[in-house]
Amino acid sequence: MSVVLCVTLWPNPGQEQTLVSYEDSVLALLPEHGARVVTRVRAETSAEGEAGEGHPFETQVIELPDQAALDAYLADPRRAAASDERGRAIARTEIQRVTLT
């Protein structure tokens, strides 16, 4: 049974582009785990380049073939190797299992 996740991400102040770079790199690993990004959207930014206060900056819907694929993706050593970049970029992440309709 497939696993579908809605992932919402909030950047650390001024780190929107670091978040984008980090997510570009780790989301590129998904196909190796049989997964895909269904959609990826970002909040519109202000003239200062920051998303609206309190709202997520990026939202992703990711589809994986099963729980084993999700576990393998989360344990991927290349993902773990980027944890410092993730720490600089991301203040908060929420993950919710959803159903594609």
N, C-alpha and C. Protein backbone atom coordinates (compact mmCIF):
# COMPACT_ATOMS: atom_id res chain seq x y z
N MET A 1 0.85 -1.18 0.00
CA MET A 1 0.00 0.00 0.00
C MET A 1 0.89 1.24 0.00
N SER A 2 0.59 2.18 -0.88
CA SER A 2 1.43 3.37 -0.97
C SER A 2 1.28 4.26 0.26
N VAL A 3 2.31 5.05 0.48
CA VAL A 3 2.35 6.02 1.57
C VAL A 3 2.42 7.39 0.92
N VAL A 4 1.50 8.27 1.29
CA VAL A 4 1.50 9.64 0.75
C VAL A 4 1.65 10.59 1.93
N LEU A 5 2.61 11.48 1.80
CA LEU A 5 2.92 12.43 2.87
C LEU A 5 2.72 13.86 2.38
N CYS A 6 2.18 14.69 3.25
CA CYS A 6 2.17 16.13 3.04
C CYS A 6 3.19 16.70 4.03
N VAL A 7 4.23 17.31 3.49
CA VAL A 7 5.33 17.83 4.30
C VAL A 7 5.30 19.36 4.21
N THR A 8 5.24 20.00 5.36
CA THR A 8 5.30 21.47 5.40
C THR A 8 6.56 21.88 6.14
N LEU A 9 7.22 22.91 5.61
CA LEU A 9 8.54 23.32 6.10
C LEU A 9 8.58 24.82 6.36
N TRP A 10 9.17 25.18 7.49
CA TRP A 10 9.39 26.57 7.87
C TRP A 10 10.90 26.79 7.94
N PRO A 11 11.42 27.82 7.29
CA PRO A 11 12.87 28.07 7.34
C PRO A 11 13.27 28.81 8.60
N ASN A 12 14.53 28.68 8.96
CA ASN A 12 15.11 29.59 9.93
C ASN A 12 15.14 30.97 9.28
N PRO A 13 15.11 32.04 10.07
CA PRO A 13 15.08 33.39 9.50
C PRO A 13 16.19 33.62 8.48
N GLY A 14 15.79 34.08 7.30
CA GLY A 14 16.74 34.39 6.24
C GLY A 14 17.34 33.19 5.53
N GLN A 15 16.84 31.99 5.81
CA GLN A 15 17.44 30.78 5.24
C GLN A 15 16.56 30.10 4.19
N GLU A 16 15.70 30.87 3.55
CA GLU A 16 14.80 30.29 2.54
C GLU A 16 15.57 29.59 1.42
N GLN A 17 16.60 30.22 0.91
CA GLN A 17 17.34 29.60 -0.20
C GLN A 17 18.15 28.39 0.26
N THR A 18 18.60 28.38 1.50
CA THR A 18 19.27 27.20 2.04
C THR A 18 18.29 26.05 2.14
N LEU A 19 17.06 26.34 2.57
CA LEU A 19 16.01 25.32 2.62
C LEU A 19 15.77 24.74 1.23
N VAL A 20 15.63 25.61 0.23
CA VAL A 20 15.39 25.15 -1.14
C VAL A 20 16.53 24.26 -1.61
N SER A 21 17.76 24.68 -1.36
CA SER A 21 18.92 23.89 -1.78
C SER A 21 18.95 22.53 -1.10
N TYR A 22 18.71 22.51 0.20
CA TYR A 22 18.68 21.25 0.93
C TYR A 22 17.59 20.34 0.38
N GLU A 23 16.40 20.87 0.23
CA GLU A 23 15.29 20.06 -0.26
C GLU A 23 15.54 19.57 -1.68
N ASP A 24 16.12 20.40 -2.53
CA ASP A 24 16.49 19.96 -3.89
C ASP A 24 17.35 18.70 -3.81
N SER A 25 18.32 18.72 -2.92
CA SER A 25 19.27 17.60 -2.85
C SER A 25 18.63 16.33 -2.27
N VAL A 26 17.85 16.46 -1.21
CA VAL A 26 17.29 15.23 -0.62
C VAL A 26 16.10 14.70 -1.40
N LEU A 27 15.32 15.58 -2.02
CA LEU A 27 14.20 15.10 -2.83
C LEU A 27 14.69 14.38 -4.08
N ALA A 28 15.88 14.73 -4.54
CA ALA A 28 16.46 14.04 -5.70
C ALA A 28 16.75 12.57 -5.42
N LEU A 29 16.80 12.19 -4.15
CA LEU A 29 17.03 10.79 -3.77
C LEU A 29 15.77 9.93 -3.87
N LEU A 30 14.61 10.56 -3.89
CA LEU A 30 13.36 9.81 -3.84
C LEU A 30 13.20 8.76 -4.94
N PRO A 31 13.50 9.06 -6.21
CA PRO A 31 13.31 8.03 -7.24
C PRO A 31 14.09 6.74 -6.98
N GLU A 32 15.23 6.85 -6.33
CA GLU A 32 16.01 5.65 -6.01
C GLU A 32 15.28 4.76 -5.00
N HIS A 33 14.29 5.32 -4.33
CA HIS A 33 13.50 4.57 -3.35
C HIS A 33 12.10 4.28 -3.90
N GLY A 34 11.93 4.44 -5.21
CA GLY A 34 10.65 4.16 -5.85
C GLY A 34 9.60 5.22 -5.59
N ALA A 35 10.01 6.39 -5.13
CA ALA A 35 9.08 7.44 -4.71
C ALA A 35 9.11 8.60 -5.70
N ARG A 36 8.13 9.50 -5.52
CA ARG A 36 8.07 10.68 -6.38
C ARG A 36 7.48 11.85 -5.61
N VAL A 37 7.85 13.05 -6.06
CA VAL A 37 7.24 14.27 -5.56
C VAL A 37 6.01 14.52 -6.42
N VAL A 38 4.84 14.49 -5.80
CA VAL A 38 3.60 14.75 -6.53
C VAL A 38 3.50 16.23 -6.84
N THR A 39 3.77 17.06 -5.83
CA THR A 39 3.80 18.51 -6.02
C THR A 39 4.68 19.13 -4.96
N ARG A 40 5.21 20.27 -5.31
CA ARG A 40 6.07 21.03 -4.40
C ARG A 40 5.78 22.50 -4.66
N VAL A 41 5.31 23.20 -3.64
CA VAL A 41 4.96 24.61 -3.80
C VAL A 41 5.61 25.43 -2.71
N ARG A 42 5.82 26.72 -3.02
CA ARG A 42 6.41 27.64 -2.05
C ARG A 42 5.50 28.84 -1.89
N ALA A 43 5.54 29.41 -0.70
CA ALA A 43 4.81 30.64 -0.43
C ALA A 43 5.41 31.78 -1.23
N GLU A 44 4.58 32.69 -1.62
CA GLU A 44 5.09 33.90 -2.23
C GLU A 44 5.86 34.67 -1.17
N THR A 45 6.93 35.30 -1.58
CA THR A 45 7.78 36.00 -0.61
C THR A 45 7.59 37.50 -0.70
N SER A 46 7.97 38.17 0.36
CA SER A 46 7.91 39.63 0.42
C SER A 46 9.10 40.21 -0.33
N ALA A 47 9.16 41.51 -0.42
CA ALA A 47 10.28 42.19 -1.07
C ALA A 47 11.60 41.85 -0.39
N GLU A 48 11.55 41.51 0.90
CA GLU A 48 12.76 41.15 1.64
C GLU A 48 13.15 39.69 1.40
N GLY A 49 12.31 38.95 0.65
CA GLY A 49 12.63 37.56 0.33
C GLY A 49 12.21 36.57 1.38
N GLU A 50 11.34 36.97 2.31
CA GLU A 50 10.91 36.06 3.36
C GLU A 50 9.42 35.77 3.21
N ALA A 51 9.03 34.55 3.55
CA ALA A 51 7.63 34.16 3.50
C ALA A 51 6.88 34.83 4.64
N GLY A 52 5.56 34.83 4.53
CA GLY A 52 4.73 35.44 5.56
C GLY A 52 4.97 34.84 6.93
N GLU A 53 4.93 35.66 7.94
CA GLU A 53 5.19 35.25 9.33
C GLU A 53 4.22 34.14 9.75
N GLY A 54 4.77 33.08 10.30
CA GLY A 54 3.95 32.01 10.85
C GLY A 54 3.47 30.97 9.86
N HIS A 55 3.60 31.23 8.57
CA HIS A 55 3.13 30.30 7.56
C HIS A 55 4.29 29.46 7.03
N PRO A 56 4.01 28.23 6.58
CA PRO A 56 5.10 27.44 6.01
C PRO A 56 5.61 28.09 4.73
N PHE A 57 6.88 27.87 4.47
CA PHE A 57 7.51 28.40 3.26
C PHE A 57 7.34 27.42 2.10
N GLU A 58 7.44 26.12 2.40
CA GLU A 58 7.34 25.11 1.35
C GLU A 58 6.43 23.99 1.80
N THR A 59 5.63 23.49 0.84
CA THR A 59 4.77 22.34 1.07
C THR A 59 5.02 21.34 -0.04
N GLN A 60 5.15 20.07 0.35
CA GLN A 60 5.41 19.01 -0.61
C GLN A 60 4.39 17.89 -0.39
N VAL A 61 4.00 17.24 -1.47
CA VAL A 61 3.25 16.00 -1.39
C VAL A 61 4.14 14.96 -2.04
N ILE A 62 4.45 13.92 -1.27
CA ILE A 62 5.38 12.87 -1.70
C ILE A 62 4.66 11.54 -1.65
N GLU A 63 4.82 10.73 -2.71
CA GLU A 63 4.22 9.40 -2.76
C GLU A 63 5.32 8.35 -2.80
N LEU A 64 5.24 7.40 -1.88
CA LEU A 64 6.19 6.29 -1.79
C LEU A 64 5.42 4.99 -1.96
N PRO A 65 6.08 3.95 -2.48
CA PRO A 65 5.35 2.71 -2.72
C PRO A 65 4.85 2.00 -1.46
N ASP A 66 5.59 2.17 -0.35
CA ASP A 66 5.19 1.49 0.89
C ASP A 66 6.02 2.02 2.06
N GLN A 67 5.74 1.51 3.25
CA GLN A 67 6.45 1.94 4.45
C GLN A 67 7.94 1.60 4.38
N ALA A 68 8.27 0.47 3.78
CA ALA A 68 9.68 0.09 3.66
C ALA A 68 10.46 1.11 2.83
N ALA A 69 9.85 1.63 1.77
CA ALA A 69 10.51 2.65 0.95
C ALA A 69 10.70 3.94 1.75
N LEU A 70 9.71 4.32 2.54
CA LEU A 70 9.85 5.50 3.39
C LEU A 70 10.97 5.30 4.40
N ASP A 71 11.00 4.15 5.04
CA ASP A 71 12.05 3.87 6.02
C ASP A 71 13.43 3.93 5.37
N ALA A 72 13.56 3.37 4.17
CA ALA A 72 14.84 3.37 3.46
C ALA A 72 15.25 4.80 3.09
N TYR A 73 14.31 5.59 2.64
CA TYR A 73 14.61 6.99 2.30
C TYR A 73 15.06 7.76 3.54
N LEU A 74 14.34 7.61 4.63
CA LEU A 74 14.70 8.32 5.86
C LEU A 74 16.07 7.90 6.39
N ALA A 75 16.45 6.64 6.14
CA ALA A 75 17.73 6.12 6.62
C ALA A 75 18.86 6.29 5.60
N ASP A 76 18.57 6.86 4.44
CA ASP A 76 19.58 7.00 3.39
C ASP A 76 20.77 7.79 3.95
N PRO A 77 21.97 7.24 3.87
CA PRO A 77 23.14 7.91 4.45
C PRO A 77 23.44 9.26 3.80
N ARG A 78 23.07 9.45 2.56
CA ARG A 78 23.29 10.75 1.91
C ARG A 78 22.39 11.81 2.53
N ARG A 79 21.21 11.41 2.93
CA ARG A 79 20.30 12.33 3.62
C ARG A 79 20.87 12.69 4.98
N ALA A 80 21.35 11.68 5.69
CA ALA A 80 21.94 11.92 7.01
C ALA A 80 23.17 12.81 6.91
N ALA A 81 23.95 12.68 5.85
CA ALA A 81 25.16 13.47 5.68
C ALA A 81 24.85 14.96 5.51
N ALA A 82 23.62 15.28 5.13
CA ALA A 82 23.24 16.68 4.93
C ALA A 82 22.54 17.27 6.16
N SER A 83 22.65 16.60 7.30
CA SER A 83 21.92 17.06 8.49
C SER A 83 22.37 18.44 8.97
N ASP A 84 23.64 18.79 8.80
CA ASP A 84 24.09 20.12 9.20
C ASP A 84 23.41 21.20 8.37
N GLU A 85 23.31 20.97 7.06
CA GLU A 85 22.63 21.93 6.19
C GLU A 85 21.16 22.03 6.57
N ARG A 86 20.55 20.89 6.88
CA ARG A 86 19.16 20.89 7.29
C ARG A 86 18.98 21.72 8.56
N GLY A 87 19.87 21.55 9.51
CA GLY A 87 19.79 22.29 10.76
C GLY A 87 19.90 23.80 10.56
N ARG A 88 20.74 24.22 9.62
CA ARG A 88 20.87 25.65 9.32
C ARG A 88 19.61 26.18 8.64
N ALA A 89 19.00 25.36 7.80
CA ALA A 89 17.92 25.82 6.94
C ALA A 89 16.54 25.77 7.57
N ILE A 90 16.25 24.70 8.29
CA ILE A 90 14.86 24.40 8.64
C ILE A 90 14.60 24.57 10.13
N ALA A 91 13.63 25.42 10.43
CA ALA A 91 13.23 25.67 11.81
C ALA A 91 12.19 24.66 12.27
N ARG A 92 11.32 24.25 11.36
CA ARG A 92 10.19 23.40 11.74
C ARG A 92 9.72 22.60 10.53
N THR A 93 9.35 21.35 10.78
CA THR A 93 8.80 20.47 9.76
C THR A 93 7.58 19.78 10.34
N GLU A 94 6.52 19.72 9.56
CA GLU A 94 5.35 18.92 9.92
C GLU A 94 5.09 17.93 8.81
N ILE A 95 4.84 16.69 9.19
CA ILE A 95 4.57 15.63 8.22
C ILE A 95 3.24 14.99 8.57
N GLN A 96 2.38 14.91 7.56
CA GLN A 96 1.06 14.31 7.76
C GLN A 96 0.81 13.29 6.66
N ARG A 97 0.35 12.12 7.04
CA ARG A 97 -0.07 11.13 6.03
C ARG A 97 -1.41 11.59 5.47
N VAL A 98 -1.51 11.55 4.13
CA VAL A 98 -2.71 12.01 3.46
C VAL A 98 -3.10 11.00 2.39
N THR A 99 -4.23 11.23 1.77
CA THR A 99 -4.73 10.40 0.68
C THR A 99 -4.85 11.27 -0.56
N LEU A 100 -4.33 10.77 -1.68
CA LEU A 100 -4.50 11.48 -2.94
C LEU A 100 -5.93 11.26 -3.41
N THR A 101 -6.57 12.33 -3.86
CA THR A 101 -7.95 12.20 -4.33
C THR A 101 -8.06 12.60 -5.77
